[in-house]
Each structure stands twice: as C-alpha cells, then as structure tokens.
C-alpha cells in the first residue's frame, strides 16, 4: 500500500504542473522537496520532475539554511 500524503496529487505531479504553467517564472521558481524518502530512485524522480533540491528528514538545519541561501539571492 502506497501512502500518499497529498490528497489529489503528489509533489512530483505538483512540480510538473508548476513547471508547465504559462508564466515567465514557472521554470525559475525554486521547488524544494522535504521528505523522509531518501531512495536514490526517488531523488532522481524528483530531479526529473523539476524539483531543484531534495532535503531529507529529519531535517539537517545547516543543510536547509545552506540550500535556502542559494535560492534567496
């Protein structure tokens, strides 16, 4: 049984839809995945969907702040 935390779509689909929007910033807006899934296939799937960064749980605050600093310029 696959547990889906989002009722209508998962984060991969949400990201694909954001990236496909007819907006100038759709391809540029940073999308970060924060998930307990650390399988290499899931990380590859996230990148393929257009997710910029994969941050695993439990959250490493130093890593999170470092990633955020890269996108808040």
N, C-alpha and C. Protein backbone atom coordinates (compact mmCIF):
# COMPACT_ATOMS: atom_id res chain seq x y z
N UNK A 1 0.83 -1.18 0.00
CA UNK A 1 0.00 0.00 0.00
C UNK A 1 0.88 1.24 0.00
N UNK A 2 0.65 2.12 -0.95
CA UNK A 2 1.41 3.36 -1.03
C UNK A 2 0.66 4.44 -0.26
N UNK A 3 1.35 5.09 0.65
CA UNK A 3 0.76 6.17 1.42
C UNK A 3 1.00 7.48 0.69
N UNK A 4 -0.06 8.15 0.31
CA UNK A 4 0.04 9.42 -0.40
C UNK A 4 -0.42 10.50 0.55
N UNK A 5 0.48 11.39 0.94
CA UNK A 5 0.17 12.41 1.92
C UNK A 5 -0.63 13.57 1.34
N UNK A 6 -0.58 13.76 0.04
CA UNK A 6 -1.34 14.83 -0.60
C UNK A 6 -2.58 14.20 -1.22
N UNK A 7 -3.75 14.77 -0.98
CA UNK A 7 -4.99 14.11 -1.39
C UNK A 7 -5.23 13.99 -2.89
N UNK A 8 -4.76 14.92 -3.70
CA UNK A 8 -5.09 14.90 -5.12
C UNK A 8 -3.91 14.62 -6.04
N UNK A 9 -2.74 14.95 -5.60
CA UNK A 9 -1.55 14.70 -6.42
C UNK A 9 -0.33 14.69 -5.51
N UNK A 10 0.72 14.03 -5.97
CA UNK A 10 1.93 14.03 -5.17
C UNK A 10 2.80 15.23 -5.54
N UNK A 11 3.89 15.39 -4.84
CA UNK A 11 4.79 16.52 -5.07
C UNK A 11 5.41 16.52 -6.45
N UNK A 12 5.62 15.33 -7.01
CA UNK A 12 6.19 15.25 -8.37
C UNK A 12 5.22 15.84 -9.38
N UNK A 13 3.95 15.45 -9.26
CA UNK A 13 2.94 15.96 -10.19
C UNK A 13 2.72 17.46 -9.98
N UNK A 14 2.69 17.89 -8.74
CA UNK A 14 2.53 19.32 -8.46
C UNK A 14 3.67 20.12 -9.10
N UNK A 15 4.88 19.60 -8.99
CA UNK A 15 6.04 20.28 -9.59
C UNK A 15 5.92 20.30 -11.10
N UNK A 16 5.55 19.18 -11.71
CA UNK A 16 5.40 19.15 -13.17
C UNK A 16 4.36 20.18 -13.62
N UNK A 17 3.27 20.30 -12.87
CA UNK A 17 2.23 21.27 -13.24
C UNK A 17 2.72 22.71 -13.08
N UNK A 18 3.46 22.97 -12.03
CA UNK A 18 4.03 24.31 -11.84
C UNK A 18 4.97 24.63 -12.99
N UNK A 19 5.85 23.70 -13.32
CA UNK A 19 6.83 23.92 -14.39
C UNK A 19 6.16 24.11 -15.75
N UNK A 20 4.98 23.52 -15.95
CA UNK A 20 4.28 23.61 -17.23
C UNK A 20 3.39 24.85 -17.35
N UNK A 21 3.29 25.63 -16.28
CA UNK A 21 2.42 26.81 -16.31
C UNK A 21 2.92 27.83 -17.34
N UNK A 22 1.98 28.58 -17.88
CA UNK A 22 2.30 29.61 -18.85
C UNK A 22 2.63 30.91 -18.12
N UNK A 23 3.76 30.87 -17.41
CA UNK A 23 4.24 32.02 -16.65
C UNK A 23 5.74 32.13 -16.85
N UNK A 24 6.23 33.32 -16.87
CA UNK A 24 7.67 33.54 -17.09
C UNK A 24 8.52 32.92 -15.98
N UNK A 25 7.99 32.89 -14.77
CA UNK A 25 8.77 32.38 -13.64
C UNK A 25 8.56 30.89 -13.34
N UNK A 26 7.73 30.23 -14.12
CA UNK A 26 7.40 28.82 -13.85
C UNK A 26 8.63 27.91 -13.88
N UNK A 27 9.56 28.23 -14.72
CA UNK A 27 10.75 27.38 -14.80
C UNK A 27 11.84 27.82 -13.82
N UNK A 28 11.64 28.98 -13.19
CA UNK A 28 12.68 29.54 -12.32
C UNK A 28 12.38 29.45 -10.83
N UNK A 29 11.10 29.35 -10.47
CA UNK A 29 10.75 29.33 -9.06
C UNK A 29 11.39 28.12 -8.38
N UNK A 30 12.09 28.33 -7.27
CA UNK A 30 12.72 27.19 -6.59
C UNK A 30 11.68 26.28 -5.95
N UNK A 31 11.85 25.00 -6.16
CA UNK A 31 10.98 24.00 -5.54
C UNK A 31 11.89 23.03 -4.78
N UNK A 32 11.64 22.94 -3.48
CA UNK A 32 12.43 22.08 -2.61
C UNK A 32 11.56 20.95 -2.10
N UNK A 33 12.04 19.74 -2.16
CA UNK A 33 11.33 18.58 -1.61
C UNK A 33 11.88 18.30 -0.23
N UNK A 34 10.99 18.24 0.75
CA UNK A 34 11.38 17.86 2.11
C UNK A 34 10.64 16.58 2.42
N UNK A 35 11.38 15.48 2.45
CA UNK A 35 10.75 14.17 2.54
C UNK A 35 11.61 13.19 3.32
N UNK A 36 10.95 12.18 3.85
CA UNK A 36 11.67 11.11 4.55
C UNK A 36 12.21 10.09 3.57
N UNK A 37 11.79 10.17 2.32
CA UNK A 37 12.25 9.23 1.30
C UNK A 37 13.65 9.62 0.83
N UNK A 38 14.60 8.73 1.03
CA UNK A 38 15.98 9.01 0.63
C UNK A 38 16.49 8.02 -0.42
N UNK A 39 15.58 7.25 -1.00
CA UNK A 39 15.98 6.30 -2.03
C UNK A 39 16.50 7.04 -3.26
N UNK A 40 17.56 6.54 -3.83
CA UNK A 40 18.16 7.23 -4.99
C UNK A 40 17.18 7.35 -6.15
N UNK A 41 16.30 6.37 -6.32
CA UNK A 41 15.30 6.45 -7.39
C UNK A 41 14.32 7.61 -7.15
N UNK A 42 13.95 7.83 -5.89
CA UNK A 42 13.05 8.93 -5.57
C UNK A 42 13.73 10.29 -5.79
N UNK A 43 15.00 10.37 -5.47
CA UNK A 43 15.74 11.61 -5.68
C UNK A 43 15.86 11.89 -7.18
N UNK A 44 16.14 10.86 -7.97
CA UNK A 44 16.20 11.02 -9.43
C UNK A 44 14.84 11.42 -9.99
N UNK A 45 13.78 10.81 -9.47
CA UNK A 45 12.43 11.13 -9.92
C UNK A 45 12.09 12.60 -9.59
N UNK A 46 12.53 13.06 -8.43
CA UNK A 46 12.31 14.45 -8.03
C UNK A 46 13.01 15.40 -8.99
N UNK A 47 14.26 15.12 -9.30
CA UNK A 47 15.02 15.96 -10.24
C UNK A 47 14.36 15.96 -11.61
N UNK A 48 13.93 14.80 -12.06
CA UNK A 48 13.29 14.69 -13.37
C UNK A 48 11.99 15.48 -13.42
N UNK A 49 11.27 15.54 -12.31
CA UNK A 49 10.01 16.28 -12.24
C UNK A 49 10.23 17.79 -12.24
N UNK A 50 11.46 18.21 -11.93
CA UNK A 50 11.76 19.64 -11.90
C UNK A 50 12.03 20.20 -10.52
N UNK A 51 12.11 19.32 -9.53
CA UNK A 51 12.41 19.76 -8.17
C UNK A 51 13.89 20.12 -8.11
N UNK A 52 14.17 21.29 -7.54
CA UNK A 52 15.54 21.79 -7.51
C UNK A 52 16.42 21.08 -6.49
N UNK A 53 15.87 20.86 -5.31
CA UNK A 53 16.67 20.27 -4.23
C UNK A 53 15.84 19.25 -3.46
N UNK A 54 16.50 18.21 -3.00
CA UNK A 54 15.89 17.16 -2.20
C UNK A 54 16.50 17.23 -0.81
N UNK A 55 15.68 17.53 0.19
CA UNK A 55 16.16 17.64 1.57
C UNK A 55 15.48 16.55 2.38
N UNK A 56 16.29 15.67 2.93
CA UNK A 56 15.73 14.52 3.65
C UNK A 56 15.41 14.86 5.10
N UNK A 57 14.42 14.14 5.62
CA UNK A 57 14.05 14.24 7.02
C UNK A 57 14.73 13.11 7.77
N UNK A 58 15.10 13.29 9.00
CA UNK A 58 14.95 14.52 9.77
C UNK A 58 15.81 15.64 9.18
N UNK A 59 15.32 16.84 9.29
CA UNK A 59 15.95 18.00 8.66
C UNK A 59 17.27 18.32 9.34
N UNK A 60 18.29 18.48 8.52
CA UNK A 60 19.59 18.98 8.97
C UNK A 60 19.51 20.50 8.77
N UNK A 61 19.39 21.23 9.86
CA UNK A 61 19.17 22.68 9.79
C UNK A 61 20.29 23.39 9.02
N UNK A 62 21.53 22.98 9.21
CA UNK A 62 22.64 23.62 8.48
C UNK A 62 22.48 23.42 6.98
N UNK A 63 22.12 22.22 6.58
CA UNK A 63 21.92 21.96 5.15
C UNK A 63 20.74 22.76 4.62
N UNK A 64 19.64 22.78 5.35
CA UNK A 64 18.47 23.54 4.93
C UNK A 64 18.82 25.01 4.75
N UNK A 65 19.49 25.59 5.71
CA UNK A 65 19.87 27.00 5.61
C UNK A 65 20.82 27.25 4.45
N UNK A 66 21.71 26.33 4.21
CA UNK A 66 22.63 26.45 3.08
C UNK A 66 21.89 26.42 1.75
N UNK A 67 20.95 25.49 1.62
CA UNK A 67 20.15 25.38 0.39
C UNK A 67 19.32 26.63 0.20
N UNK A 68 18.66 27.08 1.26
CA UNK A 68 17.83 28.29 1.16
C UNK A 68 18.68 29.50 0.76
N UNK A 69 19.87 29.60 1.31
CA UNK A 69 20.76 30.72 0.98
C UNK A 69 21.09 30.75 -0.51
N UNK A 70 21.17 29.58 -1.13
CA UNK A 70 21.45 29.52 -2.57
C UNK A 70 20.32 30.11 -3.41
N UNK A 71 19.10 29.98 -2.93
CA UNK A 71 17.94 30.41 -3.70
C UNK A 71 17.40 31.78 -3.30
N UNK A 72 17.84 32.29 -2.15
CA UNK A 72 17.41 33.62 -1.71
C UNK A 72 18.55 34.59 -1.99
N UNK A 73 18.57 35.05 -3.20
CA UNK A 73 19.63 35.99 -3.62
C UNK A 73 19.03 37.26 -4.14
